[in-house]
Structure formats: C-alpha cells, structure tokens
Amino acid sequence: MDKPSVYLSEVSKMKKILFVVKKIIIAFCMIYAFNLLVVGLNIFIPLNIVTIGVVSTLGISGLLALIGVYFVIK
C-alpha cells in the first residue's frame, strides 16, 4: 500500500516543476515579445535571470514594473 502514495507524491512534484518551467517560458516570451514590439521606441528590457524571475513571479504587472524602473533609471 505504500507505493500509490509515493507515486502520487512524485506526480505532485512533477506537476509543480512543470508549472514553474511553464511560468519561466511564458515570462521569457513576454519579455522577448515586448522587446520586439517597442524596438522603435528605444526601450529594451534585458533577458536575464532577474527580469525573468520578476515577470514569472508577478506576471504582466512585473513587466510593467520593469518598464517603470527602466524609465526611472533612464
């Protein structure tokens, strides 16, 4: 009877890993698409671990926050 609970535990871990990987891929695509759309406006959000982490955690509001930081720094 021990095996089904271990199996369910492994499936749960795999679902969590896939969820995180999916969020990271979506964040990468969002930043890349934003950079493509605003290339004429000379706005550029770099693709690195910090920016992808912010966007994958906060979503579109994280992307808007990065744009705001860009304008404050610039």
C-alpha atoms as a PDB file:
ATOM      1  CA  MET A   1       0.000   0.000   0.000  1.00  0.00           C
ATOM      2  CA  ASP A   2       2.996   2.298   0.251  1.00  0.00           C
ATOM      3  CA  LYS A   3       3.601   2.574  -3.491  1.00  0.00           C
ATOM      4  CA  PRO A   4       0.479   4.555  -4.515  1.00  0.00           C
ATOM      5  CA  SER A   5       1.213   7.352  -2.039  1.00  0.00           C
ATOM      6  CA  VAL A   6       4.830   7.517  -3.210  1.00  0.00           C
ATOM      7  CA  TYR A   7       3.621   7.601  -6.810  1.00  0.00           C
ATOM      8  CA  LEU A   8       1.176  10.424  -6.044  1.00  0.00           C
ATOM      9  CA  SER A   9       3.959  12.322  -4.319  1.00  0.00           C
ATOM     10  CA  GLU A  10       6.161  12.025  -7.406  1.00  0.00           C
ATOM     11  CA  VAL A  11       3.323  13.136  -9.688  1.00  0.00           C
ATOM     12  CA  SER A  12       2.686  16.135  -7.450  1.00  0.00           C
ATOM     13  CA  LYS A  13       6.365  17.119  -7.559  1.00  0.00           C
ATOM     14  CA  MET A  14       6.413  16.754 -11.329  1.00  0.00           C
ATOM     15  CA  LYS A  15       3.323  18.973 -11.685  1.00  0.00           C
ATOM     16  CA  LYS A  16       4.971  21.664  -9.565  1.00  0.00           C
ATOM     17  CA  ILE A  17       8.161  21.503 -11.637  1.00  0.00           C
ATOM     18  CA  LEU A  18       6.197  21.736 -14.896  1.00  0.00           C
ATOM     19  CA  PHE A  19       4.216  24.689 -13.518  1.00  0.00           C
ATOM     20  CA  VAL A  20       7.424  26.585 -12.681  1.00  0.00           C
ATOM     21  CA  VAL A  21       9.033  25.752 -16.028  1.00  0.00           C
ATOM     22  CA  LYS A  22       5.887  26.905 -17.856  1.00  0.00           C
ATOM     23  CA  LYS A  23       5.875  30.209 -15.948  1.00  0.00           C
ATOM     24  CA  ILE A  24       9.555  30.780 -16.821  1.00  0.00           C
ATOM     25  CA  ILE A  25       8.953  30.069 -20.511  1.00  0.00           C
ATOM     26  CA  ILE A  26       5.942  32.401 -20.587  1.00  0.00           C
ATOM     27  CA  ALA A  27       7.965  35.135 -18.851  1.00  0.00           C
ATOM     28  CA  PHE A  28      10.770  34.741 -21.397  1.00  0.00           C
ATOM     29  CA  CYS A  29       8.269  35.007 -24.262  1.00  0.00           C
ATOM     30  CA  MET A  30       6.569  38.058 -22.729  1.00  0.00           C
ATOM     31  CA  ILE A  31       9.846  39.966 -22.367  1.00  0.00           C
ATOM     32  CA  TYR A  32      11.004  38.933 -25.838  1.00  0.00           C
ATOM     33  CA  ALA A  33       7.685  39.955 -27.420  1.00  0.00           C
ATOM     34  CA  PHE A  34       7.745  43.276 -25.578  1.00  0.00           C
ATOM     35  CA  ASN A  35      11.272  43.962 -26.827  1.00  0.00           C
ATOM     36  CA  LEU A  36      10.178  43.180 -30.389  1.00  0.00           C
ATOM     37  CA  LEU A  37       7.135  45.439 -30.174  1.00  0.00           C
ATOM     38  CA  VAL A  38       8.921  48.505 -28.801  1.00  0.00           C
ATOM     39  CA  VAL A  39      12.204  48.264 -30.694  1.00  0.00           C
ATOM     40  CA  GLY A  40      11.437  51.551 -32.447  1.00  0.00           C
ATOM     41  CA  LEU A  41      10.960  53.398 -29.150  1.00  0.00           C
ATOM     42  CA  ASN A  42      14.472  52.529 -27.891  1.00  0.00           C
ATOM     43  CA  ILE A  43      13.098  50.687 -24.863  1.00  0.00           C
ATOM     44  CA  PHE A  44      14.867  47.453 -24.016  1.00  0.00           C
ATOM     45  CA  ILE A  45      14.293  45.076 -21.103  1.00  0.00           C
ATOM     46  CA  PRO A  46      17.261  42.682 -20.879  1.00  0.00           C
ATOM     47  CA  LEU A  47      16.654  38.948 -20.748  1.00  0.00           C
ATOM     48  CA  ASN A  48      18.392  37.685 -17.626  1.00  0.00           C
ATOM     49  CA  ILE A  49      17.577  35.699 -14.512  1.00  0.00           C
ATOM     50  CA  VAL A  50      16.395  38.716 -12.522  1.00  0.00           C
ATOM     51  CA  THR A  51      13.991  40.067 -15.137  1.00  0.00           C
ATOM     52  CA  ILE A  52      12.633  36.620 -15.983  1.00  0.00           C
ATOM     53  CA  GLY A  53      12.203  35.931 -12.268  1.00  0.00           C
ATOM     54  CA  VAL A  54      10.293  39.175 -11.741  1.00  0.00           C
ATOM     55  CA  VAL A  55       7.996  38.589 -14.706  1.00  0.00           C
ATOM     56  CA  SER A  56       7.421  34.906 -13.919  1.00  0.00           C
ATOM     57  CA  THR A  57       6.541  35.783 -10.325  1.00  0.00           C
ATOM     58  CA  LEU A  58       4.460  38.919 -10.880  1.00  0.00           C
ATOM     59  CA  GLY A  59       3.235  38.439 -14.456  1.00  0.00           C
ATOM     60  CA  ILE A  60       2.239  41.449 -16.532  1.00  0.00           C
ATOM     61  CA  SER A  61       2.460  43.737 -13.514  1.00  0.00           C
ATOM     62  CA  GLY A  62       6.096  42.665 -13.146  1.00  0.00           C
ATOM     63  CA  LEU A  63       6.736  43.561 -16.776  1.00  0.00           C
ATOM     64  CA  LEU A  64       5.125  46.963 -16.224  1.00  0.00           C
ATOM     65  CA  ALA A  65       7.253  47.429 -13.095  1.00  0.00           C
ATOM     66  CA  LEU A  66      10.402  46.698 -15.100  1.00  0.00           C
ATOM     67  CA  ILE A  67       9.326  49.231 -17.709  1.00  0.00           C
ATOM     68  CA  GLY A  68       8.787  51.775 -14.924  1.00  0.00           C
ATOM     69  CA  VAL A  69      12.238  51.062 -13.492  1.00  0.00           C
ATOM     70  CA  TYR A  70      13.693  51.497 -16.971  1.00  0.00           C
ATOM     71  CA  PHE A  71      12.197  54.988 -17.222  1.00  0.00           C
ATOM     72  CA  VAL A  72      13.291  55.949 -13.711  1.00  0.00           C
ATOM     73  CA  ILE A  73      16.872  54.863 -14.378  1.00  0.00           C
ATOM     74  CA  LYS A  74      16.968  56.391 -17.857  1.00  0.00           C
END
